[in-house]
Amino acid sequence: MEAEIEFVARALYDSEDDAPAWDREPDIIKDEFRRYARVALELLDEHRKPKTRGAQTCIVSYAA
């Protein structure tokens, strides 16, 4: 998962128009883009989860 976060962070960073090289940026900037990457990956994961339309939770007591 860490490799995915790093790849997405670099991709987001590289999408900036005037971004210097990733390796030259201080850790505070890299960490900010890593946070963005984590959020993006979490949202993607949430989007990929199967959705059941109209499902309702029903609690049934178990009688033995």
C-alpha atoms as a PDB file:
ATOM      1  CA  MET A   1       0.000   0.000   0.000  1.00  0.00           C
ATOM      2  CA  GLU A   2       2.875   2.375   0.748  1.00  0.00           C
ATOM      3  CA  ALA A   3       4.175   2.008  -2.810  1.00  0.00           C
ATOM      4  CA  GLU A   4       0.719   2.888  -4.182  1.00  0.00           C
ATOM      5  CA  ILE A   5       0.569   5.953  -1.948  1.00  0.00           C
ATOM      6  CA  GLU A   6       3.993   7.065  -3.138  1.00  0.00           C
ATOM      7  CA  PHE A   7       3.086   6.572  -6.818  1.00  0.00           C
ATOM      8  CA  VAL A   8      -0.165   8.499  -6.481  1.00  0.00           C
ATOM      9  CA  ALA A   9       1.512  11.251  -4.438  1.00  0.00           C
ATOM     10  CA  ARG A  10       4.155  11.702  -7.138  1.00  0.00           C
ATOM     11  CA  ALA A  11       1.510  11.704  -9.862  1.00  0.00           C
ATOM     12  CA  LEU A  12      -0.497  14.365  -8.059  1.00  0.00           C
ATOM     13  CA  TYR A  13       2.658  16.390  -7.471  1.00  0.00           C
ATOM     14  CA  ASP A  14       3.768  16.063 -11.097  1.00  0.00           C
ATOM     15  CA  SER A  15       0.394  17.336 -12.261  1.00  0.00           C
ATOM     16  CA  GLU A  16       1.317  20.762 -10.890  1.00  0.00           C
ATOM     17  CA  ASP A  17       2.414  23.074 -13.713  1.00  0.00           C
ATOM     18  CA  ASP A  18       5.556  24.502 -12.186  1.00  0.00           C
ATOM     19  CA  ALA A  19       6.542  21.722  -9.811  1.00  0.00           C
ATOM     20  CA  PRO A  20      10.270  21.190  -9.361  1.00  0.00           C
ATOM     21  CA  ALA A  21      11.699  17.681  -9.059  1.00  0.00           C
ATOM     22  CA  TRP A  22      10.032  15.541  -6.389  1.00  0.00           C
ATOM     23  CA  ASP A  23      13.395  14.606  -4.896  1.00  0.00           C
ATOM     24  CA  ARG A  24      14.195  18.258  -4.209  1.00  0.00           C
ATOM     25  CA  GLU A  25      11.035  18.942  -2.235  1.00  0.00           C
ATOM     26  CA  PRO A  26      11.167  19.010   1.572  1.00  0.00           C
ATOM     27  CA  ASP A  27       9.435  16.237   3.493  1.00  0.00           C
ATOM     28  CA  ILE A  28       6.632  18.560   4.595  1.00  0.00           C
ATOM     29  CA  ILE A  29       5.544  19.006   0.959  1.00  0.00           C
ATOM     30  CA  LYS A  30       5.908  15.297   0.174  1.00  0.00           C
ATOM     31  CA  ASP A  31       3.868  14.401   3.259  1.00  0.00           C
ATOM     32  CA  GLU A  32       1.098  16.736   2.142  1.00  0.00           C
ATOM     33  CA  PHE A  33       0.863  14.992  -1.229  1.00  0.00           C
ATOM     34  CA  ARG A  34       0.994  11.604   0.492  1.00  0.00           C
ATOM     35  CA  ARG A  35      -2.051  12.634   2.549  1.00  0.00           C
ATOM     36  CA  TYR A  36      -3.837  13.609  -0.679  1.00  0.00           C
ATOM     37  CA  ALA A  37      -2.876  10.236  -2.154  1.00  0.00           C
ATOM     38  CA  ARG A  38      -4.238   8.338   0.854  1.00  0.00           C
ATOM     39  CA  VAL A  39      -7.544  10.156   0.581  1.00  0.00           C
ATOM     40  CA  ALA A  40      -7.715   9.532  -3.169  1.00  0.00           C
ATOM     41  CA  LEU A  41      -7.022   5.818  -2.728  1.00  0.00           C
ATOM     42  CA  GLU A  42      -9.572   5.534   0.083  1.00  0.00           C
ATOM     43  CA  LEU A  43     -12.212   7.215  -2.080  1.00  0.00           C
ATOM     44  CA  LEU A  44     -11.372   4.917  -4.980  1.00  0.00           C
ATOM     45  CA  ASP A  45     -11.627   1.882  -2.714  1.00  0.00           C
ATOM     46  CA  GLU A  46     -14.991   3.086  -1.421  1.00  0.00           C
ATOM     47  CA  HIS A  47     -16.208   3.610  -4.984  1.00  0.00           C
ATOM     48  CA  ARG A  48     -15.163   0.091  -6.000  1.00  0.00           C
ATOM     49  CA  LYS A  49     -17.074  -1.638  -3.178  1.00  0.00           C
ATOM     50  CA  PRO A  50     -20.176  -3.407  -4.429  1.00  0.00           C
ATOM     51  CA  LYS A  51     -23.341  -1.608  -3.550  1.00  0.00           C
ATOM     52  CA  THR A  52     -26.589  -3.354  -2.741  1.00  0.00           C
ATOM     53  CA  ARG A  53     -29.522  -1.160  -3.622  1.00  0.00           C
ATOM     54  CA  GLY A  54     -32.474  -1.129  -1.299  1.00  0.00           C
ATOM     55  CA  ALA A  55     -30.871  -3.452   1.214  1.00  0.00           C
ATOM     56  CA  GLN A  56     -31.992  -3.100   4.778  1.00  0.00           C
ATOM     57  CA  THR A  57     -30.466  -4.515   7.913  1.00  0.00           C
ATOM     58  CA  CYS A  58     -32.773  -6.802   9.793  1.00  0.00           C
ATOM     59  CA  ILE A  59     -31.916  -8.189  13.241  1.00  0.00           C
ATOM     60  CA  VAL A  60     -33.364 -11.616  13.860  1.00  0.00           C
ATOM     61  CA  SER A  61     -33.101 -13.217  17.257  1.00  0.00           C
ATOM     62  CA  TYR A  62     -31.853 -16.754  17.269  1.00  0.00           C
ATOM     63  CA  ALA A  63     -34.013 -19.273  19.041  1.00  0.00           C
ATOM     64  CA  ALA A  64     -32.629 -22.737  19.734  1.00  0.00           C
END
